[in-house]
């Protein structure tokens, strides 16, 4: 992702786009700016799974774990087996961590391009990452995740760090009120419109840019 990020950053600089880093904005302020177009691309809020006792252990969102914002222990349990969960497992297994992942569905990374999916899963298997499918986490006791699979078999998984890769909830709600004041000047792009891969999000942004 780094090459793509650097390319887009360079293009923004070449075009003279003013970027304000580290600054938040409220919907009311956006409405007062009298802009010809307002594009909201602020993503999602973390979806926290309903697991009894989850608040009794250290939990980290997958993106924050990858950014190094928190210390990650030696034994890692990743809850969620989508792209974020499996790629996080891939990263921390390279750091020498003992990694286990659980996914409530019957397959891991179901939305990934098949050839990339097979390569990723084969790599995880070779590195000894354990990926349990069809398992629903029910409760946590004494730093141990207790869950059941579809056949009713109980699974107990001890971990030092619990990483959440369970997706997100679009943040559109807090911005929805702007539709009344801005009408067709307001646009939503990316995960705020529903789960998007990066190619789809870029294409969506491109279409909105051309409309404006």
N, C-alpha and C. Protein backbone atom coordinates (compact mmCIF):
# COMPACT_ATOMS: atom_id res chain seq x y z
N UNK A 1 0.82 -1.22 0.00
CA UNK A 1 0.00 0.00 0.00
C UNK A 1 0.85 1.27 0.00
N UNK A 2 2.10 1.15 0.45
CA UNK A 2 2.94 2.33 0.61
C UNK A 2 3.18 3.05 -0.72
N UNK A 3 3.43 2.28 -1.79
CA UNK A 3 3.70 2.89 -3.10
C UNK A 3 2.48 3.66 -3.60
N UNK A 4 1.30 3.08 -3.41
CA UNK A 4 0.08 3.74 -3.84
C UNK A 4 -0.15 5.02 -3.03
N UNK A 5 0.04 4.93 -1.72
CA UNK A 5 -0.13 6.10 -0.86
C UNK A 5 0.81 7.22 -1.27
N UNK A 6 2.08 6.88 -1.51
CA UNK A 6 3.06 7.90 -1.88
C UNK A 6 2.72 8.53 -3.23
N UNK A 7 2.22 7.72 -4.15
CA UNK A 7 1.83 8.25 -5.46
C UNK A 7 0.68 9.26 -5.32
N UNK A 8 -0.36 8.89 -4.58
CA UNK A 8 -1.50 9.78 -4.41
C UNK A 8 -1.10 11.05 -3.67
N UNK A 9 -0.24 10.91 -2.66
CA UNK A 9 0.23 12.07 -1.91
C UNK A 9 1.00 13.03 -2.82
N UNK A 10 1.82 12.47 -3.70
CA UNK A 10 2.59 13.30 -4.63
C UNK A 10 1.67 14.04 -5.60
N UNK A 11 0.64 13.35 -6.09
CA UNK A 11 -0.29 13.99 -7.03
C UNK A 11 -1.03 15.15 -6.37
N UNK A 12 -1.42 14.96 -5.10
CA UNK A 12 -2.10 16.03 -4.37
C UNK A 12 -1.20 17.25 -4.24
N UNK A 13 0.09 17.00 -3.93
CA UNK A 13 1.05 18.11 -3.80
C UNK A 13 1.24 18.82 -5.14
N UNK A 14 1.33 18.07 -6.23
CA UNK A 14 1.51 18.66 -7.55
C UNK A 14 0.33 19.54 -7.94
N UNK A 15 -0.87 19.12 -7.54
CA UNK A 15 -2.09 19.85 -7.89
C UNK A 15 -2.36 21.03 -6.97
N UNK A 16 -1.54 21.18 -5.93
CA UNK A 16 -1.71 22.31 -5.02
C UNK A 16 -2.90 22.21 -4.11
N UNK A 17 -3.33 20.98 -3.83
CA UNK A 17 -4.47 20.79 -2.91
C UNK A 17 -4.03 21.12 -1.48
N UNK A 18 -4.80 21.96 -0.82
CA UNK A 18 -4.49 22.32 0.57
C UNK A 18 -4.99 21.21 1.49
N UNK A 19 -4.10 20.66 2.28
CA UNK A 19 -4.44 19.57 3.19
C UNK A 19 -4.20 20.02 4.63
N UNK A 20 -5.20 19.89 5.47
CA UNK A 20 -5.06 20.24 6.89
C UNK A 20 -4.97 18.96 7.71
N UNK A 21 -3.75 18.61 8.10
CA UNK A 21 -3.55 17.38 8.87
C UNK A 21 -3.89 17.60 10.35
N UNK A 22 -4.35 16.54 10.98
CA UNK A 22 -4.59 16.57 12.43
C UNK A 22 -5.67 17.53 12.86
N UNK A 23 -6.62 17.80 11.97
CA UNK A 23 -7.69 18.73 12.31
C UNK A 23 -9.04 18.09 12.05
N UNK A 24 -9.89 18.08 13.07
CA UNK A 24 -11.23 17.54 12.90
C UNK A 24 -12.20 18.61 12.42
N UNK A 25 -13.36 18.18 12.00
CA UNK A 25 -14.38 19.13 11.56
C UNK A 25 -15.76 18.56 11.91
N UNK A 26 -16.64 19.43 12.34
CA UNK A 26 -18.00 19.01 12.69
C UNK A 26 -18.94 19.30 11.53
N UNK A 27 -20.03 18.55 11.43
CA UNK A 27 -21.00 18.78 10.35
C UNK A 27 -21.46 20.23 10.25
N UNK A 28 -21.67 20.89 11.39
CA UNK A 28 -22.15 22.27 11.38
C UNK A 28 -21.13 23.20 10.71
N UNK A 29 -19.84 22.94 10.98
CA UNK A 29 -18.78 23.76 10.38
C UNK A 29 -18.73 23.54 8.87
N UNK A 30 -18.89 22.29 8.45
CA UNK A 30 -18.88 21.98 7.02
C UNK A 30 -20.02 22.69 6.31
N UNK A 31 -21.16 22.78 6.96
CA UNK A 31 -22.31 23.45 6.36
C UNK A 31 -22.08 24.94 6.21
N UNK A 32 -21.32 25.55 7.14
CA UNK A 32 -21.08 27.00 7.12
C UNK A 32 -20.03 27.42 6.10
N UNK A 33 -19.30 26.46 5.55
CA UNK A 33 -18.19 26.80 4.66
C UNK A 33 -18.66 27.26 3.27
N UNK A 34 -19.94 27.05 2.96
CA UNK A 34 -20.51 27.50 1.67
C UNK A 34 -19.73 26.92 0.49
N UNK A 35 -19.33 25.67 0.60
CA UNK A 35 -18.55 25.03 -0.47
C UNK A 35 -19.47 24.62 -1.62
N UNK A 36 -18.87 24.50 -2.81
CA UNK A 36 -19.62 24.03 -3.97
C UNK A 36 -19.85 22.52 -3.90
N UNK A 37 -19.02 21.85 -3.12
CA UNK A 37 -19.18 20.42 -2.93
C UNK A 37 -18.53 19.98 -1.64
N UNK A 38 -19.17 19.09 -0.91
CA UNK A 38 -18.62 18.56 0.33
C UNK A 38 -18.57 17.03 0.20
N UNK A 39 -17.38 16.48 0.28
CA UNK A 39 -17.21 15.04 0.16
C UNK A 39 -16.82 14.47 1.52
N UNK A 40 -17.62 13.55 2.02
CA UNK A 40 -17.36 12.93 3.31
C UNK A 40 -16.79 11.53 3.07
N UNK A 41 -15.57 11.31 3.55
CA UNK A 41 -14.90 10.02 3.38
C UNK A 41 -14.25 9.61 4.69
N UNK A 42 -15.02 9.64 5.76
CA UNK A 42 -14.45 9.43 7.10
C UNK A 42 -14.63 8.00 7.61
N UNK A 43 -14.95 7.07 6.70
CA UNK A 43 -14.87 5.66 7.06
C UNK A 43 -15.92 5.16 8.02
N UNK A 44 -15.48 4.33 8.94
CA UNK A 44 -16.39 3.62 9.83
C UNK A 44 -15.97 3.77 11.29
N UNK A 45 -16.89 3.40 12.15
CA UNK A 45 -16.58 3.21 13.57
C UNK A 45 -16.40 1.72 13.79
N UNK A 46 -15.53 1.30 14.70
CA UNK A 46 -15.29 -0.13 14.90
C UNK A 46 -16.56 -0.87 15.34
N UNK A 47 -16.77 -2.03 14.76
CA UNK A 47 -17.87 -2.90 15.18
C UNK A 47 -17.34 -3.82 16.28
N UNK A 48 -17.84 -3.65 17.49
CA UNK A 48 -17.37 -4.44 18.63
C UNK A 48 -18.24 -5.68 18.77
N UNK A 49 -17.67 -6.87 18.69
CA UNK A 49 -18.49 -8.08 18.82
C UNK A 49 -19.07 -8.23 20.22
N UNK A 50 -20.23 -8.88 20.27
CA UNK A 50 -20.89 -9.12 21.56
C UNK A 50 -20.32 -10.40 22.18
N UNK A 51 -19.29 -10.22 22.99
CA UNK A 51 -18.64 -11.35 23.66
C UNK A 51 -18.54 -11.00 25.14
N UNK A 52 -19.16 -11.79 25.97
CA UNK A 52 -19.15 -11.52 27.41
C UNK A 52 -17.72 -11.55 27.96
N UNK A 53 -17.35 -10.51 28.69
CA UNK A 53 -16.03 -10.43 29.29
C UNK A 53 -14.98 -9.82 28.40
N UNK A 54 -15.37 -9.34 27.22
CA UNK A 54 -14.39 -8.77 26.30
C UNK A 54 -13.70 -7.55 26.89
N UNK A 55 -14.43 -6.82 27.74
CA UNK A 55 -13.86 -5.62 28.35
C UNK A 55 -12.88 -5.93 29.48
N UNK A 56 -12.70 -7.20 29.79
CA UNK A 56 -11.79 -7.58 30.88
C UNK A 56 -10.37 -7.86 30.39
N UNK A 57 -10.16 -7.82 29.06
CA UNK A 57 -8.84 -8.10 28.50
C UNK A 57 -8.41 -6.95 27.58
N UNK A 58 -7.13 -6.94 27.22
CA UNK A 58 -6.62 -5.94 26.31
C UNK A 58 -7.10 -6.26 24.90
N UNK A 59 -7.88 -5.34 24.32
CA UNK A 59 -8.32 -5.51 22.94
C UNK A 59 -7.79 -4.35 22.11
N UNK A 60 -7.39 -4.65 20.89
CA UNK A 60 -6.83 -3.65 19.98
C UNK A 60 -7.51 -3.81 18.62
N UNK A 61 -7.90 -2.70 18.02
CA UNK A 61 -8.39 -2.76 16.65
C UNK A 61 -7.24 -3.12 15.71
N UNK A 62 -7.54 -3.90 14.68
CA UNK A 62 -6.50 -4.40 13.77
C UNK A 62 -5.66 -3.26 13.18
N UNK A 63 -6.32 -2.18 12.75
CA UNK A 63 -5.55 -1.08 12.13
C UNK A 63 -4.60 -0.44 13.13
N UNK A 64 -5.02 -0.32 14.39
CA UNK A 64 -4.15 0.29 15.40
C UNK A 64 -2.99 -0.64 15.75
N UNK A 65 -3.25 -1.94 15.73
CA UNK A 65 -2.18 -2.90 16.00
C UNK A 65 -1.11 -2.82 14.90
N UNK A 66 -1.54 -2.72 13.64
CA UNK A 66 -0.61 -2.66 12.53
C UNK A 66 0.20 -1.36 12.52
N UNK A 67 -0.40 -0.30 13.05
CA UNK A 67 0.29 0.99 13.12
C UNK A 67 1.24 1.08 14.31
N UNK A 68 1.25 0.04 15.13
CA UNK A 68 2.16 0.02 16.28
C UNK A 68 1.73 0.93 17.41
N UNK A 69 0.43 1.21 17.51
CA UNK A 69 -0.03 2.13 18.55
C UNK A 69 -0.09 1.47 19.93
N UNK A 70 -0.08 0.14 19.97
CA UNK A 70 -0.16 -0.57 21.24
C UNK A 70 0.83 -1.74 21.23
N UNK A 71 1.27 -2.11 22.41
CA UNK A 71 2.14 -3.27 22.53
C UNK A 71 1.31 -4.54 22.33
N UNK A 72 1.84 -5.44 21.54
CA UNK A 72 1.15 -6.71 21.25
C UNK A 72 1.94 -7.84 21.89
N UNK A 73 1.24 -8.68 22.66
CA UNK A 73 1.90 -9.77 23.36
C UNK A 73 2.34 -10.90 22.45
N UNK A 74 2.92 -11.94 23.04
CA UNK A 74 3.46 -13.05 22.26
C UNK A 74 2.36 -13.94 21.69
N UNK A 75 1.32 -14.19 22.48
CA UNK A 75 0.21 -15.02 22.00
C UNK A 75 -0.93 -14.11 21.58
N UNK A 76 -1.29 -14.17 20.30
CA UNK A 76 -2.26 -13.24 19.74
C UNK A 76 -3.48 -14.00 19.23
N UNK A 77 -4.65 -13.55 19.65
CA UNK A 77 -5.91 -14.07 19.09
C UNK A 77 -6.54 -12.98 18.25
N UNK A 78 -6.79 -13.29 16.98
CA UNK A 78 -7.44 -12.34 16.08
C UNK A 78 -8.88 -12.77 15.87
N UNK A 79 -9.80 -11.89 16.24
CA UNK A 79 -11.22 -12.19 16.10
C UNK A 79 -11.71 -11.56 14.80
N UNK A 80 -12.03 -12.41 13.84
CA UNK A 80 -12.44 -11.94 12.52
C UNK A 80 -11.48 -12.45 11.46
N UNK A 81 -12.01 -13.15 10.45
CA UNK A 81 -11.16 -13.76 9.45
C UNK A 81 -11.36 -13.21 8.05
N UNK A 82 -11.70 -11.92 7.96
CA UNK A 82 -11.77 -11.27 6.66
C UNK A 82 -10.37 -10.85 6.22
N UNK A 83 -10.31 -9.94 5.25
CA UNK A 83 -9.00 -9.49 4.76
C UNK A 83 -8.18 -8.86 5.87
N UNK A 84 -8.81 -8.00 6.67
CA UNK A 84 -8.07 -7.32 7.75
C UNK A 84 -7.52 -8.33 8.74
N UNK A 85 -8.35 -9.31 9.13
CA UNK A 85 -7.91 -10.30 10.10
C UNK A 85 -6.78 -11.17 9.61
N UNK A 86 -6.90 -11.67 8.37
CA UNK A 86 -5.87 -12.56 7.82
C UNK A 86 -4.57 -11.81 7.52
N UNK A 87 -4.67 -10.59 7.04
CA UNK A 87 -3.45 -9.83 6.76
C UNK A 87 -2.76 -9.42 8.06
N UNK A 88 -3.56 -9.18 9.11
CA UNK A 88 -2.98 -8.89 10.43
C UNK A 88 -2.27 -10.13 10.97
N UNK A 89 -2.90 -11.29 10.78
CA UNK A 89 -2.27 -12.56 11.19
C UNK A 89 -0.96 -12.76 10.44
N UNK A 90 -0.94 -12.44 9.16
CA UNK A 90 0.25 -12.57 8.33
C UNK A 90 1.37 -11.68 8.87
N UNK A 91 1.03 -10.45 9.22
CA UNK A 91 2.02 -9.49 9.70
C UNK A 91 2.61 -9.93 11.03
N UNK A 92 1.77 -10.30 12.00
CA UNK A 92 2.30 -10.60 13.33
C UNK A 92 2.98 -11.97 13.40
N UNK A 93 2.62 -12.87 12.52
CA UNK A 93 3.35 -14.14 12.47
C UNK A 93 4.78 -13.89 11.99
N UNK A 94 4.96 -12.89 11.13
CA UNK A 94 6.30 -12.51 10.69
C UNK A 94 7.11 -11.88 11.82
N UNK A 95 6.42 -11.37 12.85
CA UNK A 95 7.11 -10.78 14.00
C UNK A 95 7.46 -11.84 15.05
N UNK A 96 7.20 -13.10 14.71
CA UNK A 96 7.52 -14.18 15.63
C UNK A 96 6.43 -14.44 16.66
N UNK A 97 5.26 -13.86 16.47
CA UNK A 97 4.16 -14.08 17.41
C UNK A 97 3.46 -15.42 17.13
N UNK A 98 2.87 -15.98 18.15
CA UNK A 98 2.02 -17.16 18.02
C UNK A 98 0.60 -16.67 17.76
N UNK A 99 0.08 -16.93 16.57
CA UNK A 99 -1.17 -16.32 16.14
C UNK A 99 -2.26 -17.36 15.89
N UNK A 100 -3.43 -17.07 16.45
CA UNK A 100 -4.63 -17.87 16.18
C UNK A 100 -5.73 -16.92 15.73
N UNK A 101 -6.46 -17.30 14.70
CA UNK A 101 -7.58 -16.48 14.23
C UNK A 101 -8.87 -17.27 14.28
N UNK A 102 -9.98 -16.60 14.58
CA UNK A 102 -11.28 -17.27 14.53
C UNK A 102 -12.22 -16.47 13.64
N UNK A 103 -13.07 -17.18 12.93
CA UNK A 103 -14.04 -16.58 12.01
C UNK A 103 -15.36 -17.31 12.15
N UNK A 104 -16.45 -16.56 12.28
CA UNK A 104 -17.76 -17.16 12.47
C UNK A 104 -18.27 -17.83 11.19
N UNK A 105 -17.81 -17.35 10.02
CA UNK A 105 -18.21 -17.96 8.75
C UNK A 105 -17.43 -19.25 8.51
N UNK A 106 -17.83 -19.98 7.48
CA UNK A 106 -17.18 -21.27 7.20
C UNK A 106 -15.90 -21.14 6.39
N UNK A 107 -15.61 -19.92 5.90
CA UNK A 107 -14.39 -19.70 5.13
C UNK A 107 -13.73 -18.40 5.54
N UNK A 108 -12.41 -18.35 5.41
CA UNK A 108 -11.66 -17.13 5.65
C UNK A 108 -11.61 -16.29 4.37
N UNK A 109 -11.47 -15.01 4.51
CA UNK A 109 -11.32 -14.03 3.43
C UNK A 109 -12.17 -14.37 2.20
N UNK A 110 -13.47 -14.49 2.40
CA UNK A 110 -14.37 -14.92 1.32
C UNK A 110 -14.43 -13.90 0.18
N UNK A 111 -14.15 -12.63 0.45
CA UNK A 111 -14.28 -11.59 -0.58
C UNK A 111 -12.98 -11.30 -1.33
N UNK A 112 -11.93 -12.02 -1.03
CA UNK A 112 -10.64 -11.75 -1.67
C UNK A 112 -10.58 -12.43 -3.04
N UNK A 113 -9.84 -11.81 -3.96
CA UNK A 113 -9.61 -12.40 -5.27
C UNK A 113 -9.04 -13.81 -5.07
N UNK A 114 -9.63 -14.84 -5.71
CA UNK A 114 -9.25 -16.24 -5.44
C UNK A 114 -7.76 -16.52 -5.47
N UNK A 115 -7.02 -16.03 -6.48
CA UNK A 115 -5.60 -16.34 -6.57
C UNK A 115 -4.82 -15.72 -5.41
N UNK A 116 -5.21 -14.53 -4.98
CA UNK A 116 -4.55 -13.89 -3.83
C UNK A 116 -4.96 -14.57 -2.53
N UNK A 117 -6.23 -14.97 -2.46
CA UNK A 117 -6.73 -15.64 -1.26
C UNK A 117 -5.96 -16.94 -1.01
N UNK A 118 -5.79 -17.75 -2.06
CA UNK A 118 -5.08 -19.02 -1.91
C UNK A 118 -3.64 -18.80 -1.48
N UNK A 119 -2.99 -17.79 -2.07
CA UNK A 119 -1.60 -17.49 -1.72
C UNK A 119 -1.48 -17.07 -0.26
N UNK A 120 -2.41 -16.22 0.19
CA UNK A 120 -2.38 -15.74 1.58
C UNK A 120 -2.62 -16.89 2.55
N UNK A 121 -3.63 -17.71 2.29
CA UNK A 121 -3.94 -18.81 3.21
C UNK A 121 -2.82 -19.84 3.25
N UNK A 122 -2.21 -20.11 2.10
CA UNK A 122 -1.08 -21.05 2.08
C UNK A 122 0.09 -20.50 2.89
N UNK A 123 0.32 -19.19 2.79
CA UNK A 123 1.42 -18.57 3.52
C UNK A 123 1.17 -18.66 5.04
N UNK A 124 -0.06 -18.42 5.45
CA UNK A 124 -0.40 -18.50 6.88
C UNK A 124 -0.20 -19.92 7.40
N UNK A 125 -0.61 -20.89 6.60
CA UNK A 125 -0.47 -22.29 7.00
C UNK A 125 0.99 -22.67 7.17
N UNK A 126 1.84 -22.26 6.23
CA UNK A 126 3.28 -22.57 6.30
C UNK A 126 3.93 -21.95 7.53
N UNK A 127 3.40 -20.80 7.96
CA UNK A 127 4.00 -20.11 9.12
C UNK A 127 3.40 -20.59 10.44
N UNK A 128 2.48 -21.57 10.37
CA UNK A 128 1.94 -22.14 11.59
C UNK A 128 0.80 -21.36 12.22
N UNK A 129 0.22 -20.43 11.47
CA UNK A 129 -0.93 -19.69 11.98
C UNK A 129 -2.15 -20.60 11.98
N UNK A 130 -2.84 -20.67 13.11
CA UNK A 130 -4.04 -21.50 13.23
C UNK A 130 -5.26 -20.64 12.93
N UNK A 131 -6.06 -21.04 11.95
CA UNK A 131 -7.27 -20.30 11.58
C UNK A 131 -8.48 -21.20 11.77
N UNK A 132 -9.32 -20.85 12.71
CA UNK A 132 -10.50 -21.66 13.03
C UNK A 132 -11.74 -21.01 12.40
N UNK A 133 -12.45 -21.76 11.57
CA UNK A 133 -13.65 -21.23 10.92
C UNK A 133 -14.91 -21.83 11.56
N UNK A 134 -16.02 -21.11 11.38
CA UNK A 134 -17.28 -21.57 11.95
C UNK A 134 -17.30 -21.53 13.46
N UNK A 135 -16.46 -20.68 14.05
CA UNK A 135 -16.37 -20.59 15.51
C UNK A 135 -16.87 -19.22 15.98
N UNK A 136 -17.78 -19.25 16.92
CA UNK A 136 -18.33 -18.01 17.49
C UNK A 136 -17.82 -17.85 18.91
N UNK A 137 -17.13 -16.71 19.15
CA UNK A 137 -16.68 -16.43 20.50
C UNK A 137 -17.86 -16.07 21.40
N UNK A 138 -17.95 -16.72 22.56
CA UNK A 138 -19.09 -16.50 23.45
C UNK A 138 -18.73 -15.73 24.71
N UNK A 139 -17.57 -16.04 25.30
CA UNK A 139 -17.19 -15.34 26.53
C UNK A 139 -15.69 -15.44 26.73
N UNK A 140 -15.19 -14.59 27.62
CA UNK A 140 -13.77 -14.60 27.97
C UNK A 140 -13.65 -14.76 29.47
N UNK A 141 -12.85 -15.73 29.88
CA UNK A 141 -12.60 -15.98 31.29
C UNK A 141 -11.11 -16.18 31.49
N UNK A 142 -10.52 -15.44 32.40
CA UNK A 142 -9.10 -15.59 32.75
C UNK A 142 -8.21 -15.58 31.50
N UNK A 143 -8.39 -14.52 30.68
CA UNK A 143 -7.60 -14.33 29.47
C UNK A 143 -7.74 -15.49 28.50
N UNK A 144 -8.90 -16.08 28.48
CA UNK A 144 -9.16 -17.22 27.62
C UNK A 144 -10.49 -17.05 26.89
N UNK A 145 -10.43 -17.12 25.56
CA UNK A 145 -11.64 -17.04 24.75
C UNK A 145 -12.30 -18.42 24.71
N UNK A 146 -13.59 -18.44 25.02
CA UNK A 146 -14.34 -19.69 24.96
C UNK A 146 -15.42 -19.54 23.90
N UNK A 147 -15.41 -20.44 22.93
CA UNK A 147 -16.38 -20.36 21.85
C UNK A 147 -16.82 -21.73 21.40
N UNK A 148 -17.78 -21.75 20.48
CA UNK A 148 -18.30 -23.01 19.97
C UNK A 148 -18.32 -23.00 18.46
N UNK A 149 -18.10 -24.19 17.86
CA UNK A 149 -18.24 -24.28 16.42
C UNK A 149 -19.63 -24.78 16.06
N UNK A 150 -19.87 -24.98 14.76
CA UNK A 150 -21.21 -25.37 14.29
C UNK A 150 -21.66 -26.72 14.83
N UNK A 151 -20.71 -27.60 15.16
CA UNK A 151 -21.05 -28.93 15.69
C UNK A 151 -21.22 -28.92 17.21
N UNK A 152 -21.07 -27.76 17.82
CA UNK A 152 -21.21 -27.67 19.27
C UNK A 152 -19.94 -27.95 20.04
N UNK A 153 -18.82 -28.14 19.32
CA UNK A 153 -17.56 -28.39 20.01
C UNK A 153 -17.03 -27.10 20.62
N UNK A 154 -16.57 -27.19 21.86
CA UNK A 154 -16.06 -26.02 22.56
C UNK A 154 -14.59 -25.80 22.24
N UNK A 155 -14.23 -24.54 22.04
CA UNK A 155 -12.84 -24.16 21.80
C UNK A 155 -12.41 -23.17 22.89
N UNK A 156 -11.25 -23.43 23.48
CA UNK A 156 -10.69 -22.54 24.50
C UNK A 156 -9.33 -22.04 24.01
N UNK A 157 -9.20 -20.73 23.90
CA UNK A 157 -7.99 -20.15 23.32
C UNK A 157 -7.43 -19.10 24.27
N UNK A 158 -6.23 -19.33 24.79
CA UNK A 158 -5.58 -18.35 25.65
C UNK A 158 -4.79 -17.37 24.81
N UNK A 159 -4.75 -16.12 25.23
CA UNK A 159 -4.01 -15.11 24.48
C UNK A 159 -3.54 -13.99 25.40
N UNK A 160 -2.44 -13.35 24.99
CA UNK A 160 -1.97 -12.16 25.70
C UNK A 160 -2.66 -10.91 25.16
N UNK A 161 -2.94 -10.94 23.86
CA UNK A 161 -3.56 -9.79 23.19
C UNK A 161 -4.69 -10.27 22.29
N UNK A 162 -5.81 -9.56 22.37
CA UNK A 162 -6.97 -9.87 21.54
C UNK A 162 -7.13 -8.75 20.50
N UNK A 163 -6.97 -9.10 19.24
CA UNK A 163 -7.08 -8.12 18.16
C UNK A 163 -8.43 -8.27 17.47
N UNK A 164 -9.14 -7.16 17.34
CA UNK A 164 -10.47 -7.17 16.73
C UNK A 164 -10.37 -6.77 15.26
N UNK A 165 -10.84 -7.66 14.40
CA UNK A 165 -10.88 -7.40 12.96
C UNK A 165 -12.28 -7.76 12.47
N UNK A 166 -13.26 -7.18 13.12
CA UNK A 166 -14.66 -7.56 12.89
C UNK A 166 -15.43 -6.54 12.06
N UNK A 167 -14.70 -5.69 11.34
CA UNK A 167 -15.37 -4.74 10.46
C UNK A 167 -15.78 -3.47 11.17
N UNK A 168 -16.61 -2.68 10.48
CA UNK A 168 -17.00 -1.39 11.04
C UNK A 168 -18.43 -1.01 10.69
N UNK A 169 -18.88 0.04 11.34
CA UNK A 169 -20.22 0.59 11.11
C UNK A 169 -20.05 1.94 10.40
N UNK A 170 -20.63 2.10 9.20
CA UNK A 170 -20.49 3.37 8.49
C UNK A 170 -20.87 4.56 9.35
N UNK A 171 -20.07 5.64 9.28
CA UNK A 171 -20.28 6.83 10.14
C UNK A 171 -21.24 7.84 9.51
N UNK A 172 -22.03 7.40 8.56
CA UNK A 172 -22.88 8.32 7.83
C UNK A 172 -23.91 9.02 8.72
N UNK A 173 -24.30 8.35 9.80
CA UNK A 173 -25.34 8.89 10.67
C UNK A 173 -25.06 10.30 11.16
N UNK A 174 -23.84 10.58 11.61
CA UNK A 174 -23.52 11.89 12.17
C UNK A 174 -23.47 12.98 11.11
N UNK A 175 -23.37 12.57 9.82
CA UNK A 175 -23.31 13.54 8.73
C UNK A 175 -24.62 13.63 7.95
N UNK A 176 -25.55 12.75 8.24
CA UNK A 176 -26.79 12.68 7.46
C UNK A 176 -27.57 13.98 7.47
N UNK A 177 -27.49 14.74 8.58
CA UNK A 177 -28.22 16.00 8.68
C UNK A 177 -27.81 17.03 7.64
N UNK A 178 -26.59 16.88 7.10
CA UNK A 178 -26.12 17.84 6.09
C UNK A 178 -26.90 17.75 4.78
N UNK A 179 -27.58 16.61 4.57
CA UNK A 179 -28.34 16.44 3.33
C UNK A 179 -29.42 17.51 3.21
N UNK A 180 -29.96 17.93 4.37
CA UNK A 180 -31.02 18.94 4.37
C UNK A 180 -30.49 20.29 3.94
N UNK A 181 -29.29 20.65 4.43
CA UNK A 181 -28.74 21.97 4.13
C UNK A 181 -27.94 22.03 2.84
N UNK A 182 -27.29 20.92 2.46
CA UNK A 182 -26.42 20.93 1.29
C UNK A 182 -27.03 20.27 0.06
N UNK A 183 -28.02 19.41 0.27
CA UNK A 183 -28.68 18.77 -0.87
C UNK A 183 -27.72 18.02 -1.77
N UNK A 184 -27.75 18.35 -3.09
CA UNK A 184 -26.91 17.62 -4.05
C UNK A 184 -25.46 18.08 -4.05
N UNK A 185 -25.09 18.94 -3.11
CA UNK A 185 -23.67 19.32 -2.96
C UNK A 185 -22.92 18.36 -2.03
N UNK A 186 -23.67 17.44 -1.41
CA UNK A 186 -23.07 16.53 -0.43
C UNK A 186 -22.84 15.16 -1.07
N UNK A 187 -21.64 14.60 -0.85
CA UNK A 187 -21.28 13.30 -1.41
C UNK A 187 -20.61 12.45 -0.34
N UNK A 188 -20.89 11.15 -0.37
CA UNK A 188 -20.24 10.20 0.52
C UNK A 188 -19.38 9.25 -0.32
N UNK A 189 -18.17 8.97 0.17
CA UNK A 189 -17.21 8.15 -0.58
C UNK A 189 -16.53 7.16 0.35
N UNK A 190 -16.30 5.95 -0.13
CA UNK A 190 -15.54 4.97 0.62
C UNK A 190 -16.37 4.15 1.59
N UNK A 191 -15.74 3.69 2.67
CA UNK A 191 -16.39 2.79 3.62
C UNK A 191 -17.62 3.39 4.29
N UNK A 192 -17.73 4.69 4.27
CA UNK A 192 -18.91 5.33 4.88
C UNK A 192 -20.18 4.97 4.11
N UNK A 193 -20.02 4.50 2.86
CA UNK A 193 -21.17 4.08 2.05
C UNK A 193 -21.41 2.58 2.15
N UNK A 194 -20.60 1.89 2.94
CA UNK A 194 -20.63 0.43 3.02
C UNK A 194 -19.23 -0.07 2.73
N UNK A 195 -18.95 -1.31 3.10
CA UNK A 195 -17.59 -1.85 2.97
C UNK A 195 -17.08 -1.74 1.53
N UNK A 196 -15.91 -1.13 1.37
CA UNK A 196 -15.31 -0.94 0.05
C UNK A 196 -13.86 -1.44 0.07
N UNK A 197 -13.44 -2.01 -1.04
CA UNK A 197 -12.02 -2.27 -1.23
C UNK A 197 -11.39 -0.99 -1.77
N UNK A 198 -10.06 -0.91 -1.77
CA UNK A 198 -9.42 0.35 -2.12
C UNK A 198 -9.67 0.75 -3.58
N UNK A 199 -9.72 -0.22 -4.49
CA UNK A 199 -9.97 0.11 -5.89
C UNK A 199 -11.36 0.71 -6.08
N UNK A 200 -12.35 0.10 -5.40
CA UNK A 200 -13.73 0.61 -5.49
C UNK A 200 -13.84 2.00 -4.88
N UNK A 201 -13.15 2.21 -3.76
CA UNK A 201 -13.21 3.52 -3.09
C UNK A 201 -12.57 4.61 -3.96
N UNK A 202 -11.44 4.29 -4.59
CA UNK A 202 -10.78 5.26 -5.47
C UNK A 202 -11.66 5.58 -6.67
N UNK A 203 -12.27 4.54 -7.25
CA UNK A 203 -13.16 4.76 -8.40
C UNK A 203 -14.36 5.61 -8.00
N UNK A 204 -14.88 5.37 -6.82
CA UNK A 204 -16.01 6.15 -6.31
C UNK A 204 -15.61 7.61 -6.15
N UNK A 205 -14.44 7.84 -5.57
CA UNK A 205 -13.95 9.21 -5.41
C UNK A 205 -13.71 9.89 -6.75
N UNK A 206 -13.23 9.12 -7.72
CA UNK A 206 -13.00 9.67 -9.06
C UNK A 206 -14.31 10.13 -9.69
N UNK A 207 -15.35 9.33 -9.55
CA UNK A 207 -16.66 9.70 -10.12
C UNK A 207 -17.20 10.96 -9.46
N UNK A 208 -17.08 11.03 -8.14
CA UNK A 208 -17.57 12.22 -7.42
C UNK A 208 -16.79 13.46 -7.84
N UNK A 209 -15.45 13.32 -7.98
CA UNK A 209 -14.63 14.45 -8.41
C UNK A 209 -15.05 14.98 -9.78
N UNK A 210 -15.39 14.08 -10.66
CA UNK A 210 -15.81 14.50 -12.00
C UNK A 210 -17.17 15.17 -11.98
N UNK A 211 -18.04 14.73 -11.08
CA UNK A 211 -19.37 15.36 -10.94
C UNK A 211 -19.21 16.80 -10.45
N UNK A 212 -18.35 16.98 -9.44
CA UNK A 212 -18.15 18.32 -8.87
C UNK A 212 -17.49 19.22 -9.89
